[in-house]
């Protein structure tokens, strides 16, 4: 199974051009796709409904979209006018070749900033009926301003991911509403833009501290970095590039998996040839 994650920066590439078609082309062959910075009603891309447009490029896929930030858009005297009732929405999307049987939105902790924009962030949970059995996928986008806030968000996220079976996902006792009981898989995949670098304090808050005699040991309840497990990191590895200064690069995007999936990891890579965003698509292959 091929999993891909891509922060698509509301459709704008390194060249400043809005082009969803090239974004879709760069994701061809993925079985499950996690997207971040998908918008509706955003003035900067002409109030495009990116959700409908992205779904249109993948007509045979199932999908869910969950905007963590959702606001009414007022008409402006200048420029393109939004349709009455337009809402600015900013969030994550998951697309899958196989049915998404249930979904939840985990709203991550945030604090009020003064001056600097700080949007509500979220994790979109999708339980997917994959051929080998149900699996959980999370499309995640963390805060870009504060390391302390990212740590709080990761602690919250990890707690809810590990409590999934106990919480019961999006529904239990569905028979009362003539609904089937959704599966509650233990294994999960967390993908997205974490806005942190490898071995940063935030990274260690999620993956555990490294170093020591045994290094970072896999533990139940602690997600495993797919790139680290596969020794796929290289000197100078990056997943983001500054559009104004291509020499400024950072590794901000990740795929973490549950311990039960570590032995099934096959490959991991960043497609740095794509130019559809300031981020680059992350790919991970997991065996059946």
C-alpha atoms as a PDB file:
ATOM      1  CA  UNK A   1       0.000   0.000   0.000  1.00  0.00           C
ATOM      2  CA  UNK A   2       1.313   3.408  -0.977  1.00  0.00           C
ATOM      3  CA  UNK A   3       0.618   6.330   1.350  1.00  0.00           C
ATOM      4  CA  UNK A   4       1.299   9.956   0.436  1.00  0.00           C
ATOM      5  CA  UNK A   5       1.126  13.187   2.420  1.00  0.00           C
ATOM      6  CA  UNK A   6       1.282  16.682   0.945  1.00  0.00           C
ATOM      7  CA  UNK A   7       0.829  20.171   2.344  1.00  0.00           C
ATOM      8  CA  UNK A   8      -0.491  21.827  -0.814  1.00  0.00           C
ATOM      9  CA  UNK A   9      -0.330  25.467   0.415  1.00  0.00           C
ATOM     10  CA  UNK A  10      -3.850  26.318  -0.800  1.00  0.00           C
ATOM     11  CA  UNK A  11      -2.790  25.366  -4.339  1.00  0.00           C
ATOM     12  CA  UNK A  12       0.210  27.642  -4.912  1.00  0.00           C
ATOM     13  CA  UNK A  13       3.545  26.235  -6.023  1.00  0.00           C
ATOM     14  CA  UNK A  14       7.154  27.330  -5.718  1.00  0.00           C
ATOM     15  CA  UNK A  15       6.618  29.541  -8.760  1.00  0.00           C
ATOM     16  CA  UNK A  16       3.647  31.289  -7.144  1.00  0.00           C
ATOM     17  CA  UNK A  17       1.222  29.726  -9.614  1.00  0.00           C
ATOM     18  CA  UNK A  18      -2.095  28.144  -8.567  1.00  0.00           C
ATOM     19  CA  UNK A  19      -2.269  24.734 -10.256  1.00  0.00           C
ATOM     20  CA  UNK A  20      -4.142  21.805  -8.717  1.00  0.00           C
ATOM     21  CA  UNK A  21      -3.606  19.634 -11.797  1.00  0.00           C
ATOM     22  CA  UNK A  22       0.135  19.366 -11.203  1.00  0.00           C
ATOM     23  CA  UNK A  23      -0.498  18.636  -7.534  1.00  0.00           C
ATOM     24  CA  UNK A  24      -2.804  15.778  -8.518  1.00  0.00           C
ATOM     25  CA  UNK A  25      -0.255  14.430 -11.020  1.00  0.00           C
ATOM     26  CA  UNK A  26       2.414  14.283  -8.330  1.00  0.00           C
ATOM     27  CA  UNK A  27       0.128  12.053  -6.229  1.00  0.00           C
ATOM     28  CA  UNK A  28      -0.685   9.503  -8.919  1.00  0.00           C
ATOM     29  CA  UNK A  29      -0.288   5.936  -7.694  1.00  0.00           C
ATOM     30  CA  UNK A  30      -1.064   6.660  -4.051  1.00  0.00           C
ATOM     31  CA  UNK A  31      -3.611   4.393  -2.384  1.00  0.00           C
ATOM     32  CA  UNK A  32      -4.203   6.791   0.512  1.00  0.00           C
ATOM     33  CA  UNK A  33      -3.513  10.533   0.416  1.00  0.00           C
ATOM     34  CA  UNK A  34      -3.322  12.953   3.350  1.00  0.00           C
ATOM     35  CA  UNK A  35      -3.503  16.633   2.410  1.00  0.00           C
ATOM     36  CA  UNK A  36      -3.036  19.773   4.470  1.00  0.00           C
ATOM     37  CA  UNK A  37      -3.815  23.450   3.787  1.00  0.00           C
ATOM     38  CA  UNK A  38      -6.881  22.631   1.716  1.00  0.00           C
ATOM     39  CA  UNK A  39      -9.178  25.652   1.567  1.00  0.00           C
ATOM     40  CA  UNK A  40     -12.595  26.853   0.557  1.00  0.00           C
ATOM     41  CA  UNK A  41     -13.587  30.499   0.272  1.00  0.00           C
ATOM     42  CA  UNK A  42     -10.030  31.885   0.388  1.00  0.00           C
ATOM     43  CA  UNK A  43      -9.580  35.206  -1.410  1.00  0.00           C
ATOM     44  CA  UNK A  44      -5.972  34.434  -2.370  1.00  0.00           C
ATOM     45  CA  UNK A  45      -7.000  31.576  -4.685  1.00  0.00           C
ATOM     46  CA  UNK A  46     -10.179  33.186  -5.969  1.00  0.00           C
ATOM     47  CA  UNK A  47     -12.457  31.624  -3.341  1.00  0.00           C
ATOM     48  CA  UNK A  48     -11.848  28.228  -4.977  1.00  0.00           C
ATOM     49  CA  UNK A  49     -13.565  25.137  -3.627  1.00  0.00           C
ATOM     50  CA  UNK A  50     -10.370  23.144  -3.449  1.00  0.00           C
ATOM     51  CA  UNK A  51     -12.170  20.198  -1.876  1.00  0.00           C
ATOM     52  CA  UNK A  52     -14.448  19.677  -4.871  1.00  0.00           C
ATOM     53  CA  UNK A  53     -11.625  20.355  -7.302  1.00  0.00           C
ATOM     54  CA  UNK A  54      -9.200  17.919  -5.661  1.00  0.00           C
ATOM     55  CA  UNK A  55     -11.910  15.253  -5.442  1.00  0.00           C
ATOM     56  CA  UNK A  56     -12.558  15.786  -9.149  1.00  0.00           C
ATOM     57  CA  UNK A  57      -9.005  14.713  -9.963  1.00  0.00           C
ATOM     58  CA  UNK A  58      -9.570  11.445  -8.056  1.00  0.00           C
ATOM     59  CA  UNK A  59     -13.098  10.405  -9.118  1.00  0.00           C
ATOM     60  CA  UNK A  60     -12.720   6.798  -7.967  1.00  0.00           C
ATOM     61  CA  UNK A  61     -11.496   7.674  -4.473  1.00  0.00           C
ATOM     62  CA  UNK A  62     -13.441   8.033  -1.263  1.00  0.00           C
ATOM     63  CA  UNK A  63     -12.647  11.205   0.652  1.00  0.00           C
ATOM     64  CA  UNK A  64     -13.303  13.285   3.761  1.00  0.00           C
ATOM     65  CA  UNK A  65     -12.518  16.942   4.429  1.00  0.00           C
ATOM     66  CA  UNK A  66     -12.463  18.514   7.863  1.00  0.00           C
ATOM     67  CA  UNK A  67     -11.855  22.264   8.222  1.00  0.00           C
ATOM     68  CA  UNK A  68     -10.395  23.073  11.619  1.00  0.00           C
ATOM     69  CA  UNK A  69     -10.760  26.800  10.907  1.00  0.00           C
ATOM     70  CA  UNK A  70     -14.161  27.972   9.585  1.00  0.00           C
ATOM     71  CA  UNK A  71     -15.224  31.627   9.277  1.00  0.00           C
ATOM     72  CA  UNK A  72     -17.823  33.728   7.471  1.00  0.00           C
ATOM     73  CA  UNK A  73     -16.376  35.781   4.593  1.00  0.00           C
ATOM     74  CA  UNK A  74     -17.527  39.369   4.212  1.00  0.00           C
ATOM     75  CA  UNK A  75     -17.697  40.920   0.749  1.00  0.00           C
ATOM     76  CA  UNK A  76     -14.930  43.409   0.002  1.00  0.00           C
ATOM     77  CA  UNK A  77     -15.401  46.529  -2.085  1.00  0.00           C
ATOM     78  CA  UNK A  78     -12.306  45.722  -4.127  1.00  0.00           C
ATOM     79  CA  UNK A  79     -11.428  42.626  -6.125  1.00  0.00           C
ATOM     80  CA  UNK A  80     -13.296  39.380  -6.688  1.00  0.00           C
ATOM     81  CA  UNK A  81     -16.533  39.137  -4.730  1.00  0.00           C
ATOM     82  CA  UNK A  82     -17.439  35.947  -2.862  1.00  0.00           C
ATOM     83  CA  UNK A  83     -20.859  34.383  -3.257  1.00  0.00           C
ATOM     84  CA  UNK A  84     -23.199  35.277  -0.407  1.00  0.00           C
ATOM     85  CA  UNK A  85     -22.758  32.807   2.426  1.00  0.00           C
ATOM     86  CA  UNK A  86     -19.169  31.925   1.477  1.00  0.00           C
ATOM     87  CA  UNK A  87     -17.082  30.634   4.358  1.00  0.00           C
ATOM     88  CA  UNK A  88     -13.318  30.547   4.658  1.00  0.00           C
ATOM     89  CA  UNK A  89     -12.360  26.993   5.537  1.00  0.00           C
ATOM     90  CA  UNK A  90      -8.837  25.725   6.200  1.00  0.00           C
ATOM     91  CA  UNK A  91      -8.184  22.103   6.995  1.00  0.00           C
ATOM     92  CA  UNK A  92      -7.091  18.599   6.137  1.00  0.00           C
ATOM     93  CA  UNK A  93      -8.315  16.055   3.614  1.00  0.00           C
ATOM     94  CA  UNK A  94      -7.939  12.283   3.286  1.00  0.00           C
ATOM     95  CA  UNK A  95      -8.534  10.413   0.031  1.00  0.00           C
ATOM     96  CA  UNK A  96      -8.571   6.623  -0.238  1.00  0.00           C
ATOM     97  CA  UNK A  97      -9.053   3.936  -2.868  1.00  0.00           C
ATOM     98  CA  UNK A  98     -11.050   2.052  -0.241  1.00  0.00           C
ATOM     99  CA  UNK A  99     -14.096   3.141   1.764  1.00  0.00           C
ATOM    100  CA  UNK A 100     -13.598   5.505   4.685  1.00  0.00           C
ATOM    101  CA  UNK A 101     -15.972   3.882   7.138  1.00  0.00           C
ATOM    102  CA  UNK A 102     -15.773   6.534   9.861  1.00  0.00           C
ATOM    103  CA  UNK A 103     -14.060   9.825  10.577  1.00  0.00           C
ATOM    104  CA  UNK A 104     -13.499  12.311  13.390  1.00  0.00           C
ATOM    105  CA  UNK A 105     -11.904  15.723  13.726  1.00  0.00           C
ATOM    106  CA  UNK A 106      -9.501  16.218  16.613  1.00  0.00           C
ATOM    107  CA  UNK A 107      -9.193  19.951  17.298  1.00  0.00           C
ATOM    108  CA  UNK A 108      -5.680  20.550  18.597  1.00  0.00           C
ATOM    109  CA  UNK A 109      -4.954  22.880  21.527  1.00  0.00           C
ATOM    110  CA  UNK A 110      -4.085  26.442  20.573  1.00  0.00           C
ATOM    111  CA  UNK A 111      -3.507  29.791  22.218  1.00  0.00           C
ATOM    112  CA  UNK A 112      -4.373  33.309  21.189  1.00  0.00           C
ATOM    113  CA  UNK A 113      -1.602  35.249  19.456  1.00  0.00           C
ATOM    114  CA  UNK A 114      -1.274  39.006  19.095  1.00  0.00           C
ATOM    115  CA  UNK A 115      -0.506  40.071  15.544  1.00  0.00           C
ATOM    116  CA  UNK A 116       0.878  36.800  14.142  1.00  0.00           C
ATOM    117  CA  UNK A 117      -1.764  34.596  12.542  1.00  0.00           C
ATOM    118  CA  UNK A 118      -2.543  31.415  14.454  1.00  0.00           C
ATOM    119  CA  UNK A 119      -5.266  29.280  12.906  1.00  0.00           C
ATOM    120  CA  UNK A 120      -7.109  26.495  14.660  1.00  0.00           C
ATOM    121  CA  UNK A 121      -5.312  23.278  13.686  1.00  0.00           C
ATOM    122  CA  UNK A 122      -6.660  19.773  13.575  1.00  0.00           C
ATOM    123  CA  UNK A 123      -6.071  16.106  12.900  1.00  0.00           C
ATOM    124  CA  UNK A 124      -8.478  14.411  10.511  1.00  0.00           C
ATOM    125  CA  UNK A 125      -9.031  10.795  11.501  1.00  0.00           C
ATOM    126  CA  UNK A 126     -10.147   8.319   8.837  1.00  0.00           C
ATOM    127  CA  UNK A 127     -10.820   4.630   9.470  1.00  0.00           C
ATOM    128  CA  UNK A 128     -10.223   2.940   6.128  1.00  0.00           C
ATOM    129  CA  UNK A 129     -11.456  -0.482   5.045  1.00  0.00           C
ATOM    130  CA  UNK A 130      -8.137  -1.537   3.500  1.00  0.00           C
ATOM    131  CA  UNK A 131      -7.854  -4.968   1.831  1.00  0.00           C
ATOM    132  CA  UNK A 132      -5.800  -6.430   4.689  1.00  0.00           C
ATOM    133  CA  UNK A 133      -8.098  -5.075   7.377  1.00  0.00           C
ATOM    134  CA  UNK A 134      -9.223  -1.716   8.715  1.00  0.00           C
ATOM    135  CA  UNK A 135      -6.562   0.854   9.478  1.00  0.00           C
ATOM    136  CA  UNK A 136      -6.563   4.356  10.960  1.00  0.00           C
ATOM    137  CA  UNK A 137      -5.059   7.264   9.047  1.00  0.00           C
ATOM    138  CA  UNK A 138      -4.548  10.764  10.418  1.00  0.00           C
ATOM    139  CA  UNK A 139      -3.902  13.865   8.305  1.00  0.00           C
ATOM    140  CA  UNK A 140      -2.230  16.325  10.668  1.00  0.00           C
ATOM    141  CA  UNK A 141      -1.177  19.968  10.549  1.00  0.00           C
ATOM    142  CA  UNK A 142       0.521  21.468  13.595  1.00  0.00           C
ATOM    143  CA  UNK A 143       1.090  25.072  14.648  1.00  0.00           C
ATOM    144  CA  UNK A 144       3.823  26.948  12.764  1.00  0.00           C
ATOM    145  CA  UNK A 145       4.603  29.618  15.369  1.00  0.00           C
ATOM    146  CA  UNK A 146       5.442  28.035  18.718  1.00  0.00           C
ATOM    147  CA  UNK A 147       7.384  24.913  19.671  1.00  0.00           C
ATOM    148  CA  UNK A 148       5.640  24.917  23.047  1.00  0.00           C
ATOM    149  CA  UNK A 149       2.256  24.882  21.325  1.00  0.00           C
ATOM    150  CA  UNK A 150       3.339  22.035  19.048  1.00  0.00           C
ATOM    151  CA  UNK A 151       4.366  19.995  22.085  1.00  0.00           C
ATOM    152  CA  UNK A 152       0.943  20.520  23.652  1.00  0.00           C
ATOM    153  CA  UNK A 153      -0.706  19.556  20.375  1.00  0.00           C
ATOM    154  CA  UNK A 154       1.380  16.397  20.071  1.00  0.00           C
ATOM    155  CA  UNK A 155       0.655  15.353  23.644  1.00  0.00           C
ATOM    156  CA  UNK A 156      -3.066  15.824  22.990  1.00  0.00           C
ATOM    157  CA  UNK A 157      -2.881  13.983  19.665  1.00  0.00           C
ATOM    158  CA  UNK A 158      -0.932  11.030  21.035  1.00  0.00           C
ATOM    159  CA  UNK A 159      -3.309  10.683  23.988  1.00  0.00           C
ATOM    160  CA  UNK A 160      -6.372  10.518  21.734  1.00  0.00           C
ATOM    161  CA  UNK A 161      -4.735   8.211  19.208  1.00  0.00           C
ATOM    162  CA  UNK A 162      -3.884   5.756  21.972  1.00  0.00           C
ATOM    163  CA  UNK A 163      -7.341   6.085  23.528  1.00  0.00           C
ATOM    164  CA  UNK A 164      -9.110   5.423  20.218  1.00  0.00           C
ATOM    165  CA  UNK A 165     -10.329   1.915  21.033  1.00  0.00           C
ATOM    166  CA  UNK A 166     -11.515   2.996  24.474  1.00  0.00           C
ATOM    167  CA  UNK A 167     -13.229   6.119  23.094  1.00  0.00           C
ATOM    168  CA  UNK A 168     -14.880   4.104  20.334  1.00  0.00           C
ATOM    169  CA  UNK A 169     -14.052   6.285  17.358  1.00  0.00           C
ATOM    170  CA  UNK A 170     -16.909   8.303  15.882  1.00  0.00           C
ATOM    171  CA  UNK A 171     -19.762   6.002  16.971  1.00  0.00           C
ATOM    172  CA  UNK A 172     -20.621   3.011  19.130  1.00  0.00           C
ATOM    173  CA  UNK A 173     -23.976   1.344  19.621  1.00  0.00           C
ATOM    174  CA  UNK A 174     -24.896   2.250  16.064  1.00  0.00           C
ATOM    175  CA  UNK A 175     -27.626  -0.372  15.881  1.00  0.00           C
ATOM    176  CA  UNK A 176     -29.969   2.039  17.643  1.00  0.00           C
ATOM    177  CA  UNK A 177     -29.780   4.250  14.524  1.00  0.00           C
ATOM    178  CA  UNK A 178     -29.728   1.296  12.096  1.00  0.00           C
ATOM    179  CA  UNK A 179     -26.016   1.857  11.538  1.00  0.00           C
ATOM    180  CA  UNK A 180     -23.283  -0.786  11.520  1.00  0.00           C
ATOM    181  CA  UNK A 181     -20.696  -0.869  14.277  1.00  0.00           C
ATOM    182  CA  UNK A 182     -17.524   0.623  12.736  1.00  0.00           C
ATOM    183  CA  UNK A 183     -14.224  -1.222  13.156  1.00  0.00           C
ATOM    184  CA  UNK A 184     -11.837  -0.050  15.870  1.00  0.00           C
ATOM    185  CA  UNK A 185      -8.371  -0.868  14.505  1.00  0.00           C
ATOM    186  CA  UNK A 186      -5.375  -0.507  16.783  1.00  0.00           C
ATOM    187  CA  UNK A 187      -2.843   0.167  14.016  1.00  0.00           C
ATOM    188  CA  UNK A 188      -2.523   3.699  12.690  1.00  0.00           C
ATOM    189  CA  UNK A 189      -0.589   5.961  10.342  1.00  0.00           C
ATOM    190  CA  UNK A 190      -0.059   9.653  11.165  1.00  0.00           C
ATOM    191  CA  UNK A 191       0.981  11.832   8.229  1.00  0.00           C
ATOM    192  CA  UNK A 192       1.275  15.522   7.687  1.00  0.00           C
ATOM    193  CA  UNK A 193       3.029  18.815   8.221  1.00  0.00           C
ATOM    194  CA  UNK A 194       4.348  18.836  11.785  1.00  0.00           C
ATOM    195  CA  UNK A 195       6.308  22.105  11.452  1.00  0.00           C
ATOM    196  CA  UNK A 196       9.183  20.570  13.429  1.00  0.00           C
ATOM    197  CA  UNK A 197      12.611  19.262  12.549  1.00  0.00           C
ATOM    198  CA  UNK A 198      14.038  15.812  13.345  1.00  0.00           C
ATOM    199  CA  UNK A 199      15.227  15.438  16.950  1.00  0.00           C
ATOM    200  CA  UNK A 200      13.735  18.792  17.964  1.00  0.00           C
ATOM    201  CA  UNK A 201      12.031  18.955  21.386  1.00  0.00           C
ATOM    202  CA  UNK A 202       8.651  18.534  19.674  1.00  0.00           C
ATOM    203  CA  UNK A 203       9.866  15.524  17.719  1.00  0.00           C
ATOM    204  CA  UNK A 204      11.149  13.864  20.895  1.00  0.00           C
ATOM    205  CA  UNK A 205       7.872  14.630  22.667  1.00  0.00           C
ATOM    206  CA  UNK A 206       6.146  12.378  20.134  1.00  0.00           C
ATOM    207  CA  UNK A 207       8.805   9.812  19.178  1.00  0.00           C
ATOM    208  CA  UNK A 208      10.535   9.598  22.558  1.00  0.00           C
ATOM    209  CA  UNK A 209      14.024  10.706  23.488  1.00  0.00           C
ATOM    210  CA  UNK A 210      16.878   9.321  21.433  1.00  0.00           C
ATOM    211  CA  UNK A 211      20.452   8.637  22.440  1.00  0.00           C
ATOM    212  CA  UNK A 212      21.587   6.428  25.284  1.00  0.00           C
ATOM    213  CA  UNK A 213      22.947   2.922  25.004  1.00  0.00           C
ATOM    214  CA  UNK A 214      19.902   1.432  23.257  1.00  0.00           C
ATOM    215  CA  UNK A 215      18.845   4.458  21.272  1.00  0.00           C
ATOM    216  CA  UNK A 216      15.162   5.009  20.578  1.00  0.00           C
ATOM    217  CA  UNK A 217      13.355   1.760  21.477  1.00  0.00           C
ATOM    218  CA  UNK A 218       9.907   1.021  20.032  1.00  0.00           C
ATOM    219  CA  UNK A 219       7.215   1.077  22.709  1.00  0.00           C
ATOM    220  CA  UNK A 220       3.485   0.510  22.647  1.00  0.00           C
ATOM    221  CA  UNK A 221       1.859   3.922  22.710  1.00  0.00           C
ATOM    222  CA  UNK A 222       4.816   5.706  21.098  1.00  0.00           C
ATOM    223  CA  UNK A 223       4.594   6.309  17.329  1.00  0.00           C
ATOM    224  CA  UNK A 224       7.479   5.170  15.120  1.00  0.00           C
ATOM    225  CA  UNK A 225       9.001   7.560  12.574  1.00  0.00           C
ATOM    226  CA  UNK A 226       8.855   5.635   9.283  1.00  0.00           C
ATOM    227  CA  UNK A 227      11.868   7.448   7.823  1.00  0.00           C
ATOM    228  CA  UNK A 228      13.994   6.750  10.900  1.00  0.00           C
ATOM    229  CA  UNK A 229      12.928   3.092  11.038  1.00  0.00           C
ATOM    230  CA  UNK A 230      13.898   2.649   7.384  1.00  0.00           C
ATOM    231  CA  UNK A 231      17.091   4.718   7.771  1.00  0.00           C
ATOM    232  CA  UNK A 232      15.750   6.913   4.979  1.00  0.00           C
ATOM    233  CA  UNK A 233      17.066  10.215   6.336  1.00  0.00           C
ATOM    234  CA  UNK A 234      20.015  11.643   4.417  1.00  0.00           C
ATOM    235  CA  UNK A 235      22.269  14.607   5.220  1.00  0.00           C
ATOM    236  CA  UNK A 236      20.393  17.703   4.146  1.00  0.00           C
ATOM    237  CA  UNK A 237      17.039  15.913   3.866  1.00  0.00           C
ATOM    238  CA  UNK A 238      14.195  18.381   3.435  1.00  0.00           C
ATOM    239  CA  UNK A 239      10.462  18.472   2.742  1.00  0.00           C
ATOM    240  CA  UNK A 240       9.974  22.250   2.572  1.00  0.00           C
ATOM    241  CA  UNK A 241      11.684  25.013   0.599  1.00  0.00           C
ATOM    242  CA  UNK A 242      11.346  28.769   0.969  1.00  0.00           C
ATOM    243  CA  UNK A 243       9.836  30.037  -2.322  1.00  0.00           C
ATOM    244  CA  UNK A 244      11.826  33.270  -1.932  1.00  0.00           C
ATOM    245  CA  UNK A 245      15.124  31.569  -1.075  1.00  0.00           C
ATOM    246  CA  UNK A 246      15.528  28.022  -2.409  1.00  0.00           C
ATOM    247  CA  UNK A 247      18.619  27.566  -0.288  1.00  0.00           C
ATOM    248  CA  UNK A 248      16.479  27.686   2.845  1.00  0.00           C
ATOM    249  CA  UNK A 249      15.194  24.150   3.390  1.00  0.00           C
ATOM    250  CA  UNK A 250      13.746  22.219   6.326  1.00  0.00           C
ATOM    251  CA  UNK A 251      12.376  18.752   7.020  1.00  0.00           C
ATOM    252  CA  UNK A 252       8.883  19.447   8.377  1.00  0.00           C
ATOM    253  CA  UNK A 253       6.729  16.586   7.074  1.00  0.00           C
ATOM    254  CA  UNK A 254       6.532  13.090   8.566  1.00  0.00           C
ATOM    255  CA  UNK A 255       4.878   9.719   8.619  1.00  0.00           C
ATOM    256  CA  UNK A 256       4.601   8.015  12.007  1.00  0.00           C
ATOM    257  CA  UNK A 257       3.150   4.532  12.398  1.00  0.00           C
ATOM    258  CA  UNK A 258       2.048   2.322  15.264  1.00  0.00           C
ATOM    259  CA  UNK A 259       4.522  -0.291  16.502  1.00  0.00           C
ATOM    260  CA  UNK A 260       2.411  -2.995  14.888  1.00  0.00           C
ATOM    261  CA  UNK A 261       3.160  -1.580  11.439  1.00  0.00           C
ATOM    262  CA  UNK A 262       6.904  -1.049  11.840  1.00  0.00           C
ATOM    263  CA  UNK A 263       7.824  -4.489  10.478  1.00  0.00           C
ATOM    264  CA  UNK A 264       5.676  -3.852   7.391  1.00  0.00           C
ATOM    265  CA  UNK A 265       7.435  -0.645   6.364  1.00  0.00           C
ATOM    266  CA  UNK A 266       9.008  -1.040   2.918  1.00  0.00           C
ATOM    267  CA  UNK A 267      10.199   2.364   1.729  1.00  0.00           C
ATOM    268  CA  UNK A 268      10.022   6.094   2.424  1.00  0.00           C
ATOM    269  CA  UNK A 269      10.962   9.073   0.290  1.00  0.00           C
ATOM    270  CA  UNK A 270      10.385  12.776  -0.356  1.00  0.00           C
ATOM    271  CA  UNK A 271       9.579  13.771  -3.943  1.00  0.00           C
ATOM    272  CA  UNK A 272      11.650  16.938  -4.223  1.00  0.00           C
ATOM    273  CA  UNK A 273      10.981  17.175  -7.971  1.00  0.00           C
ATOM    274  CA  UNK A 274       7.400  18.324  -7.434  1.00  0.00           C
ATOM    275  CA  UNK A 275       6.815  22.071  -7.586  1.00  0.00           C
ATOM    276  CA  UNK A 276       3.116  22.311  -6.710  1.00  0.00           C
ATOM    277  CA  UNK A 277       3.698  23.728  -3.209  1.00  0.00           C
ATOM    278  CA  UNK A 278       6.398  25.024  -0.906  1.00  0.00           C
ATOM    279  CA  UNK A 279       6.264  21.543   0.654  1.00  0.00           C
ATOM    280  CA  UNK A 280       7.052  18.302  -1.166  1.00  0.00           C
ATOM    281  CA  UNK A 281       5.045  15.063  -1.254  1.00  0.00           C
ATOM    282  CA  UNK A 282       6.066  12.440   1.289  1.00  0.00           C
ATOM    283  CA  UNK A 283       5.650   8.786   0.283  1.00  0.00           C
ATOM    284  CA  UNK A 284       5.672   5.655   2.436  1.00  0.00           C
ATOM    285  CA  UNK A 285       5.074   2.089   1.283  1.00  0.00           C
ATOM    286  CA  UNK A 286       3.631  -0.423   3.743  1.00  0.00           C
ATOM    287  CA  UNK A 287       3.460  -4.124   2.913  1.00  0.00           C
ATOM    288  CA  UNK A 288       0.278  -6.166   3.117  1.00  0.00           C
END
